[in-house]
Amino acid sequence: MSGLGAYPMEGWLGPAGVRDAVARWLRLVATDAELAPYLIGVDRARLAGHLALTLTVALGGPAGDIARPAAGAWRGLGLTEAQHRRVVDYLAGVLWALDVPAGAVAAARRAFADEAGS
């Protein structure tokens, strides 16, 4: 365990919920005509794992055996700033659809928006 102790349950989807949210999120990105080409040749299972870990921590869940989430899951794909914002908007939409509290949606947006600065 990472020593994070107890984590807040508000906004926490649980492992299955996070996997579902990430799967929905990736489907939205993959069906976006402008964003889909950036996923060609990408190991989506690995990407989904990075996204799930970062989302888990952003929503107040445990980080597992590592001290911090795998940052920058979208880095290196060559997205423009506007495209990256759209990817994060898709995440927010998925979380809203899953009735995640507004504060948790904002925390998730911040966690992934911070990646864009690289």
PDB file of N, CA and C in Angstrom:
ATOM      1  N   MET A   1       0.850  -1.175   0.000  1.00  0.00           N
ATOM      2  CA  MET A   1       0.000   0.000   0.000  1.00  0.00           C
ATOM      3  C   MET A   1       0.891   1.231   0.000  1.00  0.00           C
ATOM      4  N   SER A   2       0.417   2.298  -0.541  1.00  0.00           N
ATOM      5  CA  SER A   2       1.226   3.499  -0.695  1.00  0.00           C
ATOM      6  C   SER A   2       1.275   4.357   0.554  1.00  0.00           C
ATOM      7  N   GLY A   3       0.519   3.993   1.585  1.00  0.00           N
ATOM      8  CA  GLY A   3       0.523   4.808   2.778  1.00  0.00           C
ATOM      9  C   GLY A   3      -0.409   5.998   2.678  1.00  0.00           C
ATOM     10  N   LEU A   4      -1.318   5.982   1.728  1.00  0.00           N
ATOM     11  CA  LEU A   4      -2.242   7.096   1.576  1.00  0.00           C
ATOM     12  C   LEU A   4      -3.337   7.061   2.633  1.00  0.00           C
ATOM     13  N   GLY A   5      -3.485   5.934   3.297  1.00  0.00           N
ATOM     14  CA  GLY A   5      -4.501   5.822   4.322  1.00  0.00           C
ATOM     15  C   GLY A   5      -5.889   5.760   3.706  1.00  0.00           C
ATOM     16  N   ALA A   6      -6.882   6.057   4.532  1.00  0.00           N
ATOM     17  CA  ALA A   6      -8.261   6.022   4.053  1.00  0.00           C
ATOM     18  C   ALA A   6      -8.460   7.107   3.004  1.00  0.00           C
ATOM     19  N   TYR A   7      -9.317   6.846   2.064  1.00  0.00           N
ATOM     20  CA  TYR A   7      -9.579   7.821   1.023  1.00  0.00           C
ATOM     21  C   TYR A   7     -11.061   8.173   1.040  1.00  0.00           C
ATOM     22  N   PRO A   8     -11.388   9.380   0.619  1.00  0.00           N
ATOM     23  CA  PRO A   8     -12.786   9.794   0.649  1.00  0.00           C
ATOM     24  C   PRO A   8     -13.600   9.018  -0.371  1.00  0.00           C
ATOM     25  N   MET A   9     -14.797   8.642  -0.008  1.00  0.00           N
ATOM     26  CA  MET A   9     -15.649   7.872  -0.909  1.00  0.00           C
ATOM     27  C   MET A   9     -16.438   8.770  -1.853  1.00  0.00           C
ATOM     28  N   GLU A  10     -16.668  10.033  -1.479  1.00  0.00           N
ATOM     29  CA  GLU A  10     -17.451  10.908  -2.342  1.00  0.00           C
ATOM     30  C   GLU A  10     -16.738  11.071  -3.680  1.00  0.00           C
ATOM     31  N   GLY A  11     -17.449  10.784  -4.734  1.00  0.00           N
ATOM     32  CA  GLY A  11     -16.867  10.932  -6.056  1.00  0.00           C
ATOM     33  C   GLY A  11     -16.088   9.716  -6.519  1.00  0.00           C
ATOM     34  N   TRP A  12     -15.861   8.771  -5.633  1.00  0.00           N
ATOM     35  CA  TRP A  12     -15.071   7.591  -5.975  1.00  0.00           C
ATOM     36  C   TRP A  12     -15.984   6.548  -6.595  1.00  0.00           C
ATOM     37  N   LEU A  13     -15.698   6.156  -7.798  1.00  0.00           N
ATOM     38  CA  LEU A  13     -16.529   5.200  -8.519  1.00  0.00           C
ATOM     39  C   LEU A  13     -16.215   3.760  -8.150  1.00  0.00           C
ATOM     40  N   GLY A  14     -15.081   3.518  -7.565  1.00  0.00           N
ATOM     41  CA  GLY A  14     -14.631   2.161  -7.333  1.00  0.00           C
ATOM     42  C   GLY A  14     -13.902   1.660  -8.565  1.00  0.00           C
ATOM     43  N   PRO A  15     -13.139   0.593  -8.431  1.00  0.00           N
ATOM     44  CA  PRO A  15     -12.338   0.100  -9.563  1.00  0.00           C
ATOM     45  C   PRO A  15     -13.154  -0.228 -10.811  1.00  0.00           C
ATOM     46  N   ALA A  16     -14.291  -0.898 -10.650  1.00  0.00           N
ATOM     47  CA  ALA A  16     -15.102  -1.251 -11.817  1.00  0.00           C
ATOM     48  C   ALA A  16     -15.687   0.001 -12.467  1.00  0.00           C
ATOM     49  N   GLY A  17     -16.104   0.964 -11.657  1.00  0.00           N
ATOM     50  CA  GLY A  17     -16.650   2.203 -12.190  1.00  0.00           C
ATOM     51  C   GLY A  17     -15.619   3.019 -12.940  1.00  0.00           C
ATOM     52  N   VAL A  18     -14.398   3.035 -12.419  1.00  0.00           N
ATOM     53  CA  VAL A  18     -13.318   3.764 -13.103  1.00  0.00           C
ATOM     54  C   VAL A  18     -13.008   3.096 -14.431  1.00  0.00           C
ATOM     55  N   ARG A  19     -12.935   1.762 -14.434  1.00  0.00           N
ATOM     56  CA  ARG A  19     -12.672   1.058 -15.705  1.00  0.00           C
ATOM     57  C   ARG A  19     -13.773   1.348 -16.714  1.00  0.00           C
ATOM     58  N   ASP A  20     -15.024   1.364 -16.260  1.00  0.00           N
ATOM     59  CA  ASP A  20     -16.148   1.667 -17.146  1.00  0.00           C
ATOM     60  C   ASP A  20     -16.043   3.098 -17.677  1.00  0.00           C
ATOM     61  N   ALA A  21     -15.735   4.045 -16.792  1.00  0.00           N
ATOM     62  CA  ALA A  21     -15.604   5.441 -17.210  1.00  0.00           C
ATOM     63  C   ALA A  21     -14.496   5.600 -18.246  1.00  0.00           C
ATOM     64  N   VAL A  22     -13.365   4.951 -18.015  1.00  0.00           N
ATOM     65  CA  VAL A  22     -12.245   5.047 -18.957  1.00  0.00           C
ATOM     66  C   VAL A  22     -12.617   4.397 -20.287  1.00  0.00           C
ATOM     67  N   ALA A  23     -13.293   3.265 -20.251  1.00  0.00           N
ATOM     68  CA  ALA A  23     -13.709   2.606 -21.496  1.00  0.00           C
ATOM     69  C   ALA A  23     -14.646   3.505 -22.294  1.00  0.00           C
ATOM     70  N   ARG A  24     -15.605   4.132 -21.614  1.00  0.00           N
ATOM     71  CA  ARG A  24     -16.522   5.059 -22.289  1.00  0.00           C
ATOM     72  C   ARG A  24     -15.755   6.240 -22.871  1.00  0.00           C
ATOM     73  N   TRP A  25     -14.830   6.767 -22.072  1.00  0.00           N
ATOM     74  CA  TRP A  25     -14.020   7.913 -22.485  1.00  0.00           C
ATOM     75  C   TRP A  25     -13.224   7.585 -23.738  1.00  0.00           C
ATOM     76  N   LEU A  26     -12.532   6.445 -23.726  1.00  0.00           N
ATOM     77  CA  LEU A  26     -11.730   6.064 -24.890  1.00  0.00           C
ATOM     78  C   LEU A  26     -12.601   5.826 -26.122  1.00  0.00           C
ATOM     79  N   ARG A  27     -13.804   5.275 -25.925  1.00  0.00           N
ATOM     80  CA  ARG A  27     -14.710   5.095 -27.069  1.00  0.00           C
ATOM     81  C   ARG A  27     -15.082   6.435 -27.690  1.00  0.00           C
ATOM     82  N   LEU A  28     -15.341   7.433 -26.848  1.00  0.00           N
ATOM     83  CA  LEU A  28     -15.672   8.763 -27.373  1.00  0.00           C
ATOM     84  C   LEU A  28     -14.506   9.352 -28.166  1.00  0.00           C
ATOM     85  N   VAL A  29     -13.310   9.226 -27.614  1.00  0.00           N
ATOM     86  CA  VAL A  29     -12.128   9.750 -28.309  1.00  0.00           C
ATOM     87  C   VAL A  29     -11.916   8.993 -29.612  1.00  0.00           C
ATOM     88  N   ALA A  30     -12.084   7.674 -29.575  1.00  0.00           N
ATOM     89  CA  ALA A  30     -11.850   6.843 -30.758  1.00  0.00           C
ATOM     90  C   ALA A  30     -12.877   7.090 -31.857  1.00  0.00           C
ATOM     91  N   THR A  31     -14.051   7.609 -31.507  1.00  0.00           N
ATOM     92  CA  THR A  31     -15.065   7.874 -32.523  1.00  0.00           C
ATOM     93  C   THR A  31     -15.066   9.326 -32.982  1.00  0.00           C
ATOM     94  N   ASP A  32     -14.191  10.141 -32.410  1.00  0.00           N
ATOM     95  CA  ASP A  32     -14.047  11.534 -32.834  1.00  0.00           C
ATOM     96  C   ASP A  32     -13.147  11.536 -34.069  1.00  0.00           C
ATOM     97  N   ALA A  33     -13.682  11.985 -35.185  1.00  0.00           N
ATOM     98  CA  ALA A  33     -12.940  11.918 -36.454  1.00  0.00           C
ATOM     99  C   ALA A  33     -11.597  12.628 -36.400  1.00  0.00           C
ATOM    100  N   GLU A  34     -11.483  13.681 -35.633  1.00  0.00           N
ATOM    101  CA  GLU A  34     -10.223  14.413 -35.550  1.00  0.00           C
ATOM    102  C   GLU A  34      -9.240  13.768 -34.576  1.00  0.00           C
ATOM    103  N   LEU A  35      -9.751  13.142 -33.522  1.00  0.00           N
ATOM    104  CA  LEU A  35      -8.885  12.565 -32.498  1.00  0.00           C
ATOM    105  C   LEU A  35      -8.509  11.104 -32.756  1.00  0.00           C
ATOM    106  N   ALA A  36      -9.377  10.375 -33.428  1.00  0.00           N
ATOM    107  CA  ALA A  36      -9.151   8.949 -33.656  1.00  0.00           C
ATOM    108  C   ALA A  36      -7.787   8.625 -34.271  1.00  0.00           C
ATOM    109  N   PRO A  37      -7.312   9.402 -35.245  1.00  0.00           N
ATOM    110  CA  PRO A  37      -6.010   9.062 -35.829  1.00  0.00           C
ATOM    111  C   PRO A  37      -4.853   9.055 -34.819  1.00  0.00           C
ATOM    112  N   TYR A  38      -4.995   9.793 -33.727  1.00  0.00           N
ATOM    113  CA  TYR A  38      -3.933   9.834 -32.721  1.00  0.00           C
ATOM    114  C   TYR A  38      -3.847   8.532 -31.922  1.00  0.00           C
ATOM    115  N   LEU A  39      -4.873   7.702 -32.026  1.00  0.00           N
ATOM    116  CA  LEU A  39      -4.870   6.428 -31.311  1.00  0.00           C
ATOM    117  C   LEU A  39      -4.366   5.266 -32.169  1.00  0.00           C
ATOM    118  N   ILE A  40      -4.109   5.530 -33.442  1.00  0.00           N
ATOM    119  CA  ILE A  40      -3.606   4.470 -34.316  1.00  0.00           C
ATOM    120  C   ILE A  40      -2.242   4.013 -33.817  1.00  0.00           C
ATOM    121  N   GLY A  41      -2.109   2.729 -33.612  1.00  0.00           N
ATOM    122  CA  GLY A  41      -0.847   2.154 -33.162  1.00  0.00           C
ATOM    123  C   GLY A  41      -0.593   2.287 -31.667  1.00  0.00           C
ATOM    124  N   VAL A  42      -1.522   2.897 -30.945  1.00  0.00           N
ATOM    125  CA  VAL A  42      -1.362   3.080 -29.501  1.00  0.00           C
ATOM    126  C   VAL A  42      -1.852   1.819 -28.794  1.00  0.00           C
ATOM    127  N   ASP A  43      -1.103   1.362 -27.814  1.00  0.00           N
ATOM    128  CA  ASP A  43      -1.521   0.237 -26.978  1.00  0.00           C
ATOM    129  C   ASP A  43      -2.642   0.748 -26.073  1.00  0.00           C
ATOM    130  N   ARG A  44      -3.868   0.518 -26.493  1.00  0.00           N
ATOM    131  CA  ARG A  44      -5.015   1.093 -25.770  1.00  0.00           C
ATOM    132  C   ARG A  44      -5.178   0.493 -24.379  1.00  0.00           C
ATOM    133  N   ALA A  45      -4.815  -0.754 -24.211  1.00  0.00           N
ATOM    134  CA  ALA A  45      -4.910  -1.356 -22.873  1.00  0.00           C
ATOM    135  C   ALA A  45      -3.954  -0.653 -21.916  1.00  0.00           C
ATOM    136  N   ARG A  46      -2.761  -0.384 -22.391  1.00  0.00           N
ATOM    137  CA  ARG A  46      -1.780   0.326 -21.551  1.00  0.00           C
ATOM    138  C   ARG A  46      -2.245   1.758 -21.279  1.00  0.00           C
ATOM    139  N   LEU A  47      -2.736   2.440 -22.322  1.00  0.00           N
ATOM    140  CA  LEU A  47      -3.256   3.793 -22.157  1.00  0.00           C
ATOM    141  C   LEU A  47      -4.403   3.793 -21.151  1.00  0.00           C
ATOM    142  N   ALA A  48      -5.316   2.835 -21.278  1.00  0.00           N
ATOM    143  CA  ALA A  48      -6.454   2.751 -20.360  1.00  0.00           C
ATOM    144  C   ALA A  48      -5.976   2.547 -18.923  1.00  0.00           C
ATOM    145  N   GLY A  49      -4.929   1.758 -18.741  1.00  0.00           N
ATOM    146  CA  GLY A  49      -4.382   1.555 -17.404  1.00  0.00           C
ATOM    147  C   GLY A  49      -3.845   2.843 -16.807  1.00  0.00           C
ATOM    148  N   HIS A  50      -3.119   3.602 -17.592  1.00  0.00           N
ATOM    149  CA  HIS A  50      -2.598   4.894 -17.124  1.00  0.00           C
ATOM    150  C   HIS A  50      -3.740   5.855 -16.799  1.00  0.00           C
ATOM    151  N   LEU A  51      -4.727   5.898 -17.686  1.00  0.00           N
ATOM    152  CA  LEU A  51      -5.867   6.790 -17.470  1.00  0.00           C
ATOM    153  C   LEU A  51      -6.632   6.391 -16.217  1.00  0.00           C
ATOM    154  N   ALA A  52      -6.843   5.096 -16.034  1.00  0.00           N
ATOM    155  CA  ALA A  52      -7.580   4.620 -14.864  1.00  0.00           C
ATOM    156  C   ALA A  52      -6.847   4.956 -13.574  1.00  0.00           C
ATOM    157  N   LEU A  53      -5.540   4.805 -13.565  1.00  0.00           N
ATOM    158  CA  LEU A  53      -4.773   5.119 -12.356  1.00  0.00           C
ATOM    159  C   LEU A  53      -4.856   6.602 -12.030  1.00  0.00           C
ATOM    160  N   THR A  54      -4.664   7.447 -13.032  1.00  0.00           N
ATOM    161  CA  THR A  54      -4.729   8.884 -12.807  1.00  0.00           C
ATOM    162  C   THR A  54      -6.135   9.295 -12.375  1.00  0.00           C
ATOM    163  N   LEU A  55      -7.156   8.727 -13.012  1.00  0.00           N
ATOM    164  CA  LEU A  55      -8.531   9.048 -12.653  1.00  0.00           C
ATOM    165  C   LEU A  55      -8.853   8.564 -11.235  1.00  0.00           C
ATOM    166  N   THR A  56      -8.395   7.388 -10.887  1.00  0.00           N
ATOM    167  CA  THR A  56      -8.617   6.859  -9.538  1.00  0.00           C
ATOM    168  C   THR A  56      -8.090   7.818  -8.484  1.00  0.00           C
ATOM    169  N   VAL A  57      -6.864   8.260  -8.653  1.00  0.00           N
ATOM    170  CA  VAL A  57      -6.255   9.168  -7.683  1.00  0.00           C
ATOM    171  C   VAL A  57      -6.962  10.524  -7.693  1.00  0.00           C
ATOM    172  N   ALA A  58      -7.315  11.015  -8.882  1.00  0.00           N
ATOM    173  CA  ALA A  58      -8.005  12.312  -8.979  1.00  0.00           C
ATOM    174  C   ALA A  58      -9.351  12.293  -8.261  1.00  0.00           C
ATOM    175  N   LEU A  59     -10.002  11.129  -8.260  1.00  0.00           N
ATOM    176  CA  LEU A  59     -11.307  11.006  -7.611  1.00  0.00           C
ATOM    177  C   LEU A  59     -11.192  10.657  -6.129  1.00  0.00           C
ATOM    178  N   GLY A  60      -9.969  10.611  -5.625  1.00  0.00           N
ATOM    179  CA  GLY A  60      -9.775  10.363  -4.201  1.00  0.00           C
ATOM    180  C   GLY A  60      -9.560   8.924  -3.830  1.00  0.00           C
ATOM    181  N   GLY A  61      -9.332   8.087  -4.811  1.00  0.00           N
ATOM    182  CA  GLY A  61      -9.102   6.670  -4.543  1.00  0.00           C
ATOM    183  C   GLY A  61      -7.638   6.389  -4.266  1.00  0.00           C
ATOM    184  N   PRO A  62      -7.339   5.148  -3.943  1.00  0.00           N
ATOM    185  CA  PRO A  62      -5.964   4.769  -3.609  1.00  0.00           C
ATOM    186  C   PRO A  62      -5.077   4.707  -4.850  1.00  0.00           C
ATOM    187  N   ALA A  63      -3.798   4.941  -4.647  1.00  0.00           N
ATOM    188  CA  ALA A  63      -2.838   4.899  -5.742  1.00  0.00           C
ATOM    189  C   ALA A  63      -2.188   3.530  -5.870  1.00  0.00           C
ATOM    190  N   GLY A  64      -2.637   2.568  -5.096  1.00  0.00           N
ATOM    191  CA  GLY A  64      -2.059   1.234  -5.184  1.00  0.00           C
ATOM    192  C   GLY A  64      -0.652   1.216  -4.636  1.00  0.00           C
ATOM    193  N   ASP A  65       0.258   0.586  -5.350  1.00  0.00           N
ATOM    194  CA  ASP A  65       1.620   0.404  -4.865  1.00  0.00           C
ATOM    195  C   ASP A  65       2.560   1.527  -5.257  1.00  0.00           C
ATOM    196  N   ILE A  66       2.049   2.559  -5.902  1.00  0.00           N
ATOM    197  CA  ILE A  66       2.931   3.647  -6.296  1.00  0.00           C
ATOM    198  C   ILE A  66       2.545   4.916  -5.559  1.00  0.00           C
ATOM    199  N   ALA A  67       3.467   5.802  -5.421  1.00  0.00           N
ATOM    200  CA  ALA A  67       3.244   7.021  -4.649  1.00  0.00           C
ATOM    201  C   ALA A  67       2.434   8.057  -5.411  1.00  0.00           C
ATOM    202  N   ARG A  68       2.490   8.032  -6.739  1.00  0.00           N
ATOM    203  CA  ARG A  68       1.724   9.001  -7.527  1.00  0.00           C
ATOM    204  C   ARG A  68       1.266   8.362  -8.823  1.00  0.00           C
ATOM    205  N   PRO A  69       0.221   8.906  -9.408  1.00  0.00           N
ATOM    206  CA  PRO A  69      -0.309   8.298 -10.629  1.00  0.00           C
ATOM    207  C   PRO A  69       0.638   8.441 -11.808  1.00  0.00           C
ATOM    208  N   ALA A  70       0.410   7.609 -12.784  1.00  0.00           N
ATOM    209  CA  ALA A  70       1.189   7.687 -14.016  1.00  0.00           C
ATOM    210  C   ALA A  70       0.740   8.930 -14.759  1.00  0.00           C
ATOM    211  N   ALA A  71       1.529   9.954 -14.700  1.00  0.00           N
ATOM    212  CA  ALA A  71       1.158  11.233 -15.308  1.00  0.00           C
ATOM    213  C   ALA A  71       1.423  11.205 -16.801  1.00  0.00           C
ATOM    214  N   GLY A  72       0.709  12.032 -17.496  1.00  0.00           N
ATOM    215  CA  GLY A  72       1.001  12.238 -18.911  1.00  0.00           C
ATOM    216  C   GLY A  72       0.547  11.137 -19.834  1.00  0.00           C
ATOM    217  N   ALA A  73      -0.574  10.473 -19.513  1.00  0.00           N
ATOM    218  CA  ALA A  73      -1.025   9.371 -20.355  1.00  0.00           C
ATOM    219  C   ALA A  73      -1.306   9.814 -21.788  1.00  0.00           C
ATOM    220  N   TRP A  74      -1.689  11.069 -21.985  1.00  0.00           N
ATOM    221  CA  TRP A  74      -1.973  11.574 -23.328  1.00  0.00           C
ATOM    222  C   TRP A  74      -0.751  12.224 -23.966  1.00  0.00           C
ATOM    223  N   ARG A  75       0.318  12.388 -23.193  1.00  0.00           N
ATOM    224  CA  ARG A  75       1.535  13.017 -23.740  1.00  0.00           C
ATOM    225  C   ARG A  75       2.111  12.163 -24.861  1.00  0.00           C
ATOM    226  N   GLY A  76       2.773  12.798 -25.742  1.00  0.00           N
ATOM    227  CA  GLY A  76       3.461  12.062 -26.801  1.00  0.00           C
ATOM    228  C   GLY A  76       2.579  11.687 -27.971  1.00  0.00           C
ATOM    229  N   LEU A  77       1.289  11.960 -27.885  1.00  0.00           N
ATOM    230  CA  LEU A  77       0.414  11.628 -29.000  1.00  0.00           C
ATOM    231  C   LEU A  77       0.357  12.743 -30.035  1.00  0.00           C
ATOM    232  N   GLY A  78       0.918  13.902 -29.694  1.00  0.00           N
ATOM    233  CA  GLY A  78       0.963  15.007 -30.638  1.00  0.00           C
ATOM    234  C   GLY A  78      -0.301  15.845 -30.693  1.00  0.00           C
ATOM    235  N   LEU A  79      -1.141  15.732 -29.675  1.00  0.00           N
ATOM    236  CA  LEU A  79      -2.370  16.525 -29.648  1.00  0.00           C
ATOM    237  C   LEU A  79      -2.057  18.009 -29.505  1.00  0.00           C
ATOM    238  N   THR A  80      -2.858  18.831 -30.159  1.00  0.00           N
ATOM    239  CA  THR A  80      -2.767  20.268 -29.936  1.00  0.00           C
ATOM    240  C   THR A  80      -3.412  20.570 -28.584  1.00  0.00           C
ATOM    241  N   GLU A  81      -3.219  21.781 -28.113  1.00  0.00           N
ATOM    242  CA  GLU A  81      -3.846  22.192 -26.855  1.00  0.00           C
ATOM    243  C   GLU A  81      -5.371  22.077 -26.961  1.00  0.00           C
ATOM    244  N   ALA A  82      -5.950  22.511 -28.068  1.00  0.00           N
ATOM    245  CA  ALA A  82      -7.402  22.449 -28.262  1.00  0.00           C
ATOM    246  C   ALA A  82      -7.892  21.002 -28.294  1.00  0.00           C
ATOM    247  N   GLN A  83      -7.151  20.133 -28.941  1.00  0.00           N
ATOM    248  CA  GLN A  83      -7.532  18.723 -28.983  1.00  0.00           C
ATOM    249  C   GLN A  83      -7.462  18.096 -27.589  1.00  0.00           C
ATOM    250  N   HIS A  84      -6.425  18.446 -26.852  1.00  0.00           N
ATOM    251  CA  HIS A  84      -6.295  17.917 -25.499  1.00  0.00           C
ATOM    252  C   HIS A  84      -7.466  18.385 -24.638  1.00  0.00           C
ATOM    253  N   ARG A  85      -7.855  19.640 -24.780  1.00  0.00           N
ATOM    254  CA  ARG A  85      -9.010  20.147 -24.031  1.00  0.00           C
ATOM    255  C   ARG A  85     -10.272  19.358 -24.387  1.00  0.00           C
ATOM    256  N   ARG A  86     -10.431  19.007 -25.652  1.00  0.00           N
ATOM    257  CA  ARG A  86     -11.604  18.237 -26.068  1.00  0.00           C
ATOM    258  C   ARG A  86     -11.577  16.846 -25.449  1.00  0.00           C
ATOM    259  N   VAL A  87     -10.405  16.232 -25.376  1.00  0.00           N
ATOM    260  CA  VAL A  87     -10.273  14.930 -24.728  1.00  0.00           C
ATOM    261  C   VAL A  87     -10.725  15.030 -23.266  1.00  0.00           C
ATOM    262  N   VAL A  88     -10.285  16.084 -22.581  1.00  0.00           N
ATOM    263  CA  VAL A  88     -10.660  16.283 -21.177  1.00  0.00           C
ATOM    264  C   VAL A  88     -12.160  16.584 -21.064  1.00  0.00           C
ATOM    265  N   ASP A  89     -12.702  17.310 -22.021  1.00  0.00           N
ATOM    266  CA  ASP A  89     -14.149  17.569 -22.022  1.00  0.00           C
ATOM    267  C   ASP A  89     -14.928  16.263 -22.156  1.00  0.00           C
ATOM    268  N   TYR A  90     -14.436  15.345 -22.973  1.00  0.00           N
ATOM    269  CA  TYR A  90     -15.089  14.043 -23.089  1.00  0.00           C
ATOM    270  C   TYR A  90     -15.101  13.335 -21.736  1.00  0.00           C
ATOM    271  N   LEU A  91     -13.992  13.394 -21.016  1.00  0.00           N
ATOM    272  CA  LEU A  91     -13.946  12.783 -19.689  1.00  0.00           C
ATOM    273  C   LEU A  91     -15.009  13.401 -18.788  1.00  0.00           C
ATOM    274  N   ALA A  92     -15.088  14.720 -18.768  1.00  0.00           N
ATOM    275  CA  ALA A  92     -16.073  15.390 -17.922  1.00  0.00           C
ATOM    276  C   ALA A  92     -17.486  14.939 -18.280  1.00  0.00           C
ATOM    277  N   GLY A  93     -17.768  14.817 -19.549  1.00  0.00           N
ATOM    278  CA  GLY A  93     -19.086  14.361 -19.982  1.00  0.00           C
ATOM    279  C   GLY A  93     -19.403  12.963 -19.492  1.00  0.00           C
ATOM    280  N   VAL A  94     -18.428  12.085 -19.575  1.00  0.00           N
ATOM    281  CA  VAL A  94     -18.616  10.716 -19.088  1.00  0.00           C
ATOM    282  C   VAL A  94     -18.894  10.727 -17.591  1.00  0.00           C
ATOM    283  N   LEU A  95     -18.121  11.489 -16.844  1.00  0.00           N
ATOM    284  CA  LEU A  95     -18.302  11.533 -15.392  1.00  0.00           C
ATOM    285  C   LEU A  95     -19.649  12.129 -15.014  1.00  0.00           C
ATOM    286  N   TRP A  96     -20.068  13.180 -15.721  1.00  0.00           N
ATOM    287  CA  TRP A  96     -21.394  13.760 -15.463  1.00  0.00           C
ATOM    288  C   TRP A  96     -22.468  12.712 -15.715  1.00  0.00           C
ATOM    289  N   ALA A  97     -22.346  11.964 -16.803  1.00  0.00           N
ATOM    290  CA  ALA A  97     -23.333  10.935 -17.147  1.00  0.00           C
ATOM    291  C   ALA A  97     -23.393   9.839 -16.081  1.00  0.00           C
ATOM    292  N   LEU A  98     -22.297   9.621 -15.382  1.00  0.00           N
ATOM    293  CA  LEU A  98     -22.243   8.619 -14.319  1.00  0.00           C
ATOM    294  C   LEU A  98     -22.616   9.208 -12.953  1.00  0.00           C
ATOM    295  N   ASP A  99     -23.100  10.444 -12.948  1.00  0.00           N
ATOM    296  CA  ASP A  99     -23.533  11.127 -11.713  1.00  0.00           C
ATOM    297  C   ASP A  99     -22.422  11.303 -10.691  1.00  0.00           C
ATOM    298  N   VAL A 100     -21.214  11.518 -11.180  1.00  0.00           N
ATOM    299  CA  VAL A 100     -20.095  11.821 -10.284  1.00  0.00           C
ATOM    300  C   VAL A 100     -20.296  13.258  -9.790  1.00  0.00           C
ATOM    301  N   PRO A 101     -20.097  13.508  -8.497  1.00  0.00           N
ATOM    302  CA  PRO A 101     -20.291  14.863  -7.961  1.00  0.00           C
ATOM    303  C   PRO A 101     -19.415  15.905  -8.671  1.00  0.00           C
ATOM    304  N   ALA A 102     -19.943  17.126  -8.724  1.00  0.00           N
ATOM    305  CA  ALA A 102     -19.276  18.215  -9.449  1.00  0.00           C
ATOM    306  C   ALA A 102     -17.838  18.432  -8.983  1.00  0.00           C
ATOM    307  N   GLY A 103     -17.586  18.361  -7.694  1.00  0.00           N
ATOM    308  CA  GLY A 103     -16.230  18.566  -7.184  1.00  0.00           C
ATOM    309  C   GLY A 103     -15.264  17.511  -7.683  1.00  0.00           C
ATOM    310  N   ALA A 104     -15.744  16.280  -7.791  1.00  0.00           N
ATOM    311  CA  ALA A 104     -14.897  15.196  -8.288  1.00  0.00           C
ATOM    312  C   ALA A 104     -14.649  15.344  -9.790  1.00  0.00           C
ATOM    313  N   VAL A 105     -15.673  15.802 -10.520  1.00  0.00           N
ATOM    314  CA  VAL A 105     -15.490  16.049 -11.963  1.00  0.00           C
ATOM    315  C   VAL A 105     -14.439  17.140 -12.157  1.00  0.00           C
ATOM    316  N   ALA A 106     -14.519  18.190 -11.358  1.00  0.00           N
ATOM    317  CA  ALA A 106     -13.537  19.281 -11.454  1.00  0.00           C
ATOM    318  C   ALA A 106     -12.132  18.772 -11.125  1.00  0.00           C
ATOM    319  N   ALA A 107     -12.010  17.914 -10.122  1.00  0.00           N
ATOM    320  CA  ALA A 107     -10.696  17.363  -9.760  1.00  0.00           C
ATOM    321  C   ALA A 107     -10.138  16.508 -10.894  1.00  0.00           C
ATOM    322  N   ALA A 108     -11.000  15.730 -11.522  1.00  0.00           N
ATOM    323  CA  ALA A 108     -10.552  14.901 -12.652  1.00  0.00           C
ATOM    324  C   ALA A 108     -10.118  15.775 -13.815  1.00  0.00           C
ATOM    325  N   ARG A 109     -10.893  16.816 -14.105  1.00  0.00           N
ATOM    326  CA  ARG A 109     -10.512  17.740 -15.191  1.00  0.00           C
ATOM    327  C   ARG A 109      -9.140  18.337 -14.914  1.00  0.00           C
ATOM    328  N   ARG A 110      -8.913  18.779 -13.666  1.00  0.00           N
ATOM    329  CA  ARG A 110      -7.605  19.364 -13.308  1.00  0.00           C
ATOM    330  C   ARG A 110      -6.484  18.353 -13.485  1.00  0.00           C
ATOM    331  N   ALA A 111      -6.711  17.128 -13.060  1.00  0.00           N
ATOM    332  CA  ALA A 111      -5.664  16.104 -13.150  1.00  0.00           C
ATOM    333  C   ALA A 111      -5.230  15.882 -14.586  1.00  0.00           C
ATOM    334  N   PHE A 112      -6.172  15.852 -15.501  1.00  0.00           N
ATOM    335  CA  PHE A 112      -5.822  15.608 -16.903  1.00  0.00           C
ATOM    336  C   PHE A 112      -5.479  16.891 -17.642  1.00  0.00           C
ATOM    337  N   ALA A 113      -6.026  18.020 -17.240  1.00  0.00           N
ATOM    338  CA  ALA A 113      -5.666  19.289 -17.875  1.00  0.00           C
ATOM    339  C   ALA A 113      -4.215  19.617 -17.583  1.00  0.00           C
ATOM    340  N   ASP A 114      -3.731  19.225 -16.400  1.00  0.00           N
ATOM    341  CA  ASP A 114      -2.337  19.489 -16.036  1.00  0.00           C
ATOM    342  C   ASP A 114      -1.362  18.787 -16.965  1.00  0.00           C
ATOM    343  N   GLU A 115      -1.799  17.704 -17.590  1.00  0.00           N
ATOM    344  CA  GLU A 115      -0.924  16.982 -18.513  1.00  0.00           C
ATOM    345  C   GLU A 115      -0.573  17.809 -19.736  1.00  0.00           C
ATOM    346  N   ALA A 116      -1.448  18.716 -20.107  1.00  0.00           N
ATOM    347  CA  ALA A 116      -1.285  19.433 -21.368  1.00  0.00           C
ATOM    348  C   ALA A 116      -0.077  20.361 -21.350  1.00  0.00           C
ATOM    349  N   GLY A 117       0.404  20.685 -20.189  1.00  0.00           N
ATOM    350  CA  GLY A 117       1.502  21.640 -20.102  1.00  0.00           C
ATOM    351  C   GLY A 117       2.857  21.100 -20.458  1.00  0.00           C
ATOM    352  N   SER A 118       2.924  19.878 -20.937  1.00  0.00           N
ATOM    353  CA  SER A 118       4.245  19.305 -21.225  1.00  0.00           C
ATOM    354  C   SER A 118       4.747  19.671 -22.605  1.00  0.00           C
TER     355      SER A 118
END
